[in-house]
Amino acid sequence: MRFAGYAAVFDRVDRAGDVMRAGAFAGAGTVPLLWQHRGRPVGTIEVLGEDARGLRVSGTIAEPRLAALVRGGAVAGLSVGYRPRTVRQGARRELMSLELVEVSLVAVPMQPLARVDQVG
C-alpha cells in the first residue's frame, strides 16, 4: 500500500519540547521505514525531502496488517529517528542539523502534526 505524509513539521514544538528547523534534514539519504522505531523494515521510503512545511515522505507499506491499520485510519502517525548534529539551546532545543536514521509509522507521534495524509 502506498502512503505519503509529513514525518516532521518545522517550527512547531513537539511533545518533548524540541523544535525542528528548516534545513535540518539537508543531505538526508535513503532510510528504512520502521514500525514504532523498532525491528526490521515494514516497507520502503521512496521519496523524502524538505518543503516549506517539513519533511515530506512517500513510500510503500509492505506489512499487510500495518497497511490495513493505516488504510483504516487506526494508525496515522509518522516520526523520525535521528542523531542531532547542530542544536541551538534557548527556551526550546532547536534542531538545526540532523543525521536522519529512519522514518517510522507510529501510534502516537512525538510531533502531533506529523501524519500520514494520503493512502492509496
C-alpha atoms as a PDB file:
ATOM      1  CA  MET A   1       0.000   0.000   0.000  1.00  0.00           C
ATOM      2  CA  ARG A   2       1.287   3.456  -0.902  1.00  0.00           C
ATOM      3  CA  PHE A   3       1.251   6.371   1.544  1.00  0.00           C
ATOM      4  CA  ALA A   4       2.508   9.935   1.916  1.00  0.00           C
ATOM      5  CA  GLY A   5       2.716  12.448   4.731  1.00  0.00           C
ATOM      6  CA  TYR A   6       4.929  14.600   6.916  1.00  0.00           C
ATOM      7  CA  ALA A   7       7.451  12.778   9.103  1.00  0.00           C
ATOM      8  CA  ALA A   8       8.474  16.096  10.705  1.00  0.00           C
ATOM      9  CA  VAL A   9       6.945  19.572  10.777  1.00  0.00           C
ATOM     10  CA  PHE A  10       9.131  22.665  11.054  1.00  0.00           C
ATOM     11  CA  ASP A  11       8.850  25.438  13.637  1.00  0.00           C
ATOM     12  CA  ARG A  12       6.353  23.588  15.857  1.00  0.00           C
ATOM     13  CA  VAL A  13       7.117  22.415  19.389  1.00  0.00           C
ATOM     14  CA  ASP A  14       6.891  18.641  19.807  1.00  0.00           C
ATOM     15  CA  ARG A  15       5.870  16.681  22.922  1.00  0.00           C
ATOM     16  CA  ALA A  16       9.485  16.708  24.168  1.00  0.00           C
ATOM     17  CA  GLY A  17       9.775  20.492  23.795  1.00  0.00           C
ATOM     18  CA  ASP A  18      12.038  20.319  20.727  1.00  0.00           C
ATOM     19  CA  VAL A  19      11.630  22.343  17.531  1.00  0.00           C
ATOM     20  CA  MET A  20      12.845  21.132  14.115  1.00  0.00           C
ATOM     21  CA  ARG A  21      14.087  23.906  11.852  1.00  0.00           C
ATOM     22  CA  ALA A  22      14.056  24.061   8.055  1.00  0.00           C
ATOM     23  CA  GLY A  23      17.255  22.640   6.625  1.00  0.00           C
ATOM     24  CA  ALA A  24      17.668  20.121   9.458  1.00  0.00           C
ATOM     25  CA  PHE A  25      17.343  17.209   7.025  1.00  0.00           C
ATOM     26  CA  ALA A  26      19.589  18.603   4.270  1.00  0.00           C
ATOM     27  CA  GLY A  27      21.553  15.827   2.635  1.00  0.00           C
ATOM     28  CA  ALA A  28      19.403  13.027   4.058  1.00  0.00           C
ATOM     29  CA  GLY A  29      19.783   9.838   2.087  1.00  0.00           C
ATOM     30  CA  THR A  30      17.879   6.593   1.927  1.00  0.00           C
ATOM     31  CA  VAL A  31      16.445   5.432   5.259  1.00  0.00           C
ATOM     32  CA  PRO A  32      14.290   2.469   6.288  1.00  0.00           C
ATOM     33  CA  LEU A  33      10.587   2.593   7.153  1.00  0.00           C
ATOM     34  CA  LEU A  34      10.031   1.045  10.591  1.00  0.00           C
ATOM     35  CA  TRP A  35       7.075   0.440  12.921  1.00  0.00           C
ATOM     36  CA  GLN A  36       7.380   2.305  16.250  1.00  0.00           C
ATOM     37  CA  HIS A  37      11.155   2.892  15.695  1.00  0.00           C
ATOM     38  CA  ARG A  38      11.930  -0.826  16.100  1.00  0.00           C
ATOM     39  CA  GLY A  39      12.661  -4.047  14.304  1.00  0.00           C
ATOM     40  CA  ARG A  40      13.021  -4.796  10.662  1.00  0.00           C
ATOM     41  CA  PRO A  41      11.681  -2.523   7.905  1.00  0.00           C
ATOM     42  CA  VAL A  42       7.925  -2.716   7.227  1.00  0.00           C
ATOM     43  CA  GLY A  43       8.175  -1.068   3.820  1.00  0.00           C
ATOM     44  CA  THR A  44      10.218   1.473   1.921  1.00  0.00           C
ATOM     45  CA  ILE A  45      10.575   5.243   1.819  1.00  0.00           C
ATOM     46  CA  GLU A  46      10.716   6.093  -1.878  1.00  0.00           C
ATOM     47  CA  VAL A  47      10.674   9.902  -1.782  1.00  0.00           C
ATOM     48  CA  LEU A  48      11.999  12.050   1.041  1.00  0.00           C
ATOM     49  CA  GLY A  49      12.560  15.800   1.016  1.00  0.00           C
ATOM     50  CA  GLU A  50      12.009  19.087   2.749  1.00  0.00           C
ATOM     51  CA  ASP A  51       9.383  21.579   1.638  1.00  0.00           C
ATOM     52  CA  ALA A  52       8.157  24.762   3.326  1.00  0.00           C
ATOM     53  CA  ARG A  53       6.133  22.783   5.903  1.00  0.00           C
ATOM     54  CA  GLY A  54       8.509  19.980   6.884  1.00  0.00           C
ATOM     55  CA  LEU A  55       9.976  16.638   5.892  1.00  0.00           C
ATOM     56  CA  ARG A  56       7.629  15.140   3.291  1.00  0.00           C
ATOM     57  CA  VAL A  57       7.859  11.403   2.673  1.00  0.00           C
ATOM     58  CA  SER A  58       6.126   8.884   0.475  1.00  0.00           C
ATOM     59  CA  GLY A  59       6.568   5.188   0.199  1.00  0.00           C
ATOM     60  CA  THR A  60       5.089   1.733   0.385  1.00  0.00           C
ATOM     61  CA  ILE A  61       3.966  -0.296   3.396  1.00  0.00           C
ATOM     62  CA  ALA A  62       4.707  -3.974   2.738  1.00  0.00           C
ATOM     63  CA  GLU A  63       3.450  -5.424   6.044  1.00  0.00           C
ATOM     64  CA  PRO A  64      -0.228  -6.317   5.379  1.00  0.00           C
ATOM     65  CA  ARG A  65      -1.597  -5.864   8.926  1.00  0.00           C
ATOM     66  CA  LEU A  66       0.062  -2.478   9.328  1.00  0.00           C
ATOM     67  CA  ALA A  67      -1.101  -1.406   5.863  1.00  0.00           C
ATOM     68  CA  ALA A  68      -4.675  -2.266   6.853  1.00  0.00           C
ATOM     69  CA  LEU A  69      -4.373  -0.183  10.043  1.00  0.00           C
ATOM     70  CA  VAL A  70      -3.031   2.796   8.096  1.00  0.00           C
ATOM     71  CA  ARG A  71      -5.673   2.415   5.365  1.00  0.00           C
ATOM     72  CA  GLY A  72      -8.413   2.301   8.022  1.00  0.00           C
ATOM     73  CA  GLY A  73      -7.049   5.357   9.853  1.00  0.00           C
ATOM     74  CA  ALA A  74      -6.198   3.472  13.075  1.00  0.00           C
ATOM     75  CA  VAL A  75      -2.502   4.333  12.596  1.00  0.00           C
ATOM     76  CA  ALA A  76      -1.714   7.731  11.100  1.00  0.00           C
ATOM     77  CA  GLY A  77       1.376   8.981  12.938  1.00  0.00           C
ATOM     78  CA  LEU A  78       4.822   9.440  11.439  1.00  0.00           C
ATOM     79  CA  SER A  79       8.060  10.055  13.278  1.00  0.00           C
ATOM     80  CA  VAL A  80      11.786  10.341  12.628  1.00  0.00           C
ATOM     81  CA  GLY A  81      14.753   8.677  14.267  1.00  0.00           C
ATOM     82  CA  TYR A  82      17.815  10.911  14.173  1.00  0.00           C
ATOM     83  CA  ARG A  83      21.122  11.919  15.679  1.00  0.00           C
ATOM     84  CA  PRO A  84      21.482  15.663  16.341  1.00  0.00           C
ATOM     85  CA  ARG A  85      24.386  17.368  14.578  1.00  0.00           C
ATOM     86  CA  THR A  86      23.741  21.036  15.335  1.00  0.00           C
ATOM     87  CA  VAL A  87      21.498  22.147  18.199  1.00  0.00           C
ATOM     88  CA  ARG A  88      20.721  25.663  19.406  1.00  0.00           C
ATOM     89  CA  GLN A  89      19.649  25.800  23.036  1.00  0.00           C
ATOM     90  CA  GLY A  90      17.348  28.595  24.142  1.00  0.00           C
ATOM     91  CA  ALA A  91      13.888  28.477  25.648  1.00  0.00           C
ATOM     92  CA  ARG A  92      13.480  25.386  23.446  1.00  0.00           C
ATOM     93  CA  ARG A  93      16.011  22.967  21.986  1.00  0.00           C
ATOM     94  CA  GLU A  94      16.178  23.875  18.287  1.00  0.00           C
ATOM     95  CA  LEU A  95      17.320  21.085  15.988  1.00  0.00           C
ATOM     96  CA  MET A  96      19.216  22.810  13.184  1.00  0.00           C
ATOM     97  CA  SER A  97      21.005  19.859  11.556  1.00  0.00           C
ATOM     98  CA  LEU A  98      20.317  16.142  11.960  1.00  0.00           C
ATOM     99  CA  GLU A  99      21.516  12.794  10.708  1.00  0.00           C
ATOM    100  CA  LEU A 100      18.293  11.062   9.687  1.00  0.00           C
ATOM    101  CA  VAL A 101      18.447   7.374  10.677  1.00  0.00           C
ATOM    102  CA  GLU A 102      14.901   6.149   9.960  1.00  0.00           C
ATOM    103  CA  VAL A 103      11.271   7.114   9.465  1.00  0.00           C
ATOM    104  CA  SER A 104       8.609   5.247  11.433  1.00  0.00           C
ATOM    105  CA  LEU A 105       4.903   4.731  11.343  1.00  0.00           C
ATOM    106  CA  VAL A 106       3.772   5.251  14.946  1.00  0.00           C
ATOM    107  CA  ALA A 107       0.594   5.123  17.003  1.00  0.00           C
ATOM    108  CA  VAL A 108       1.405   8.410  18.809  1.00  0.00           C
ATOM    109  CA  PRO A 109       3.844  10.762  17.066  1.00  0.00           C
ATOM    110  CA  MET A 110       6.181  12.995  19.073  1.00  0.00           C
ATOM    111  CA  GLN A 111       5.161  15.842  16.732  1.00  0.00           C
ATOM    112  CA  PRO A 112       1.324  15.786  16.717  1.00  0.00           C
ATOM    113  CA  LEU A 113       1.222  17.260  13.188  1.00  0.00           C
ATOM    114  CA  ALA A 114       3.483  14.534  11.727  1.00  0.00           C
ATOM    115  CA  ARG A 115       0.853  12.437   9.974  1.00  0.00           C
ATOM    116  CA  VAL A 116       0.053  10.248   7.020  1.00  0.00           C
ATOM    117  CA  ASP A 117      -2.213  12.374   4.813  1.00  0.00           C
ATOM    118  CA  GLN A 118      -2.551  10.191   1.703  1.00  0.00           C
ATOM    119  CA  VAL A 119      -3.091   6.467   1.236  1.00  0.00           C
ATOM    120  CA  GLY A 120      -3.587   4.538  -1.927  1.00  0.00           C
END
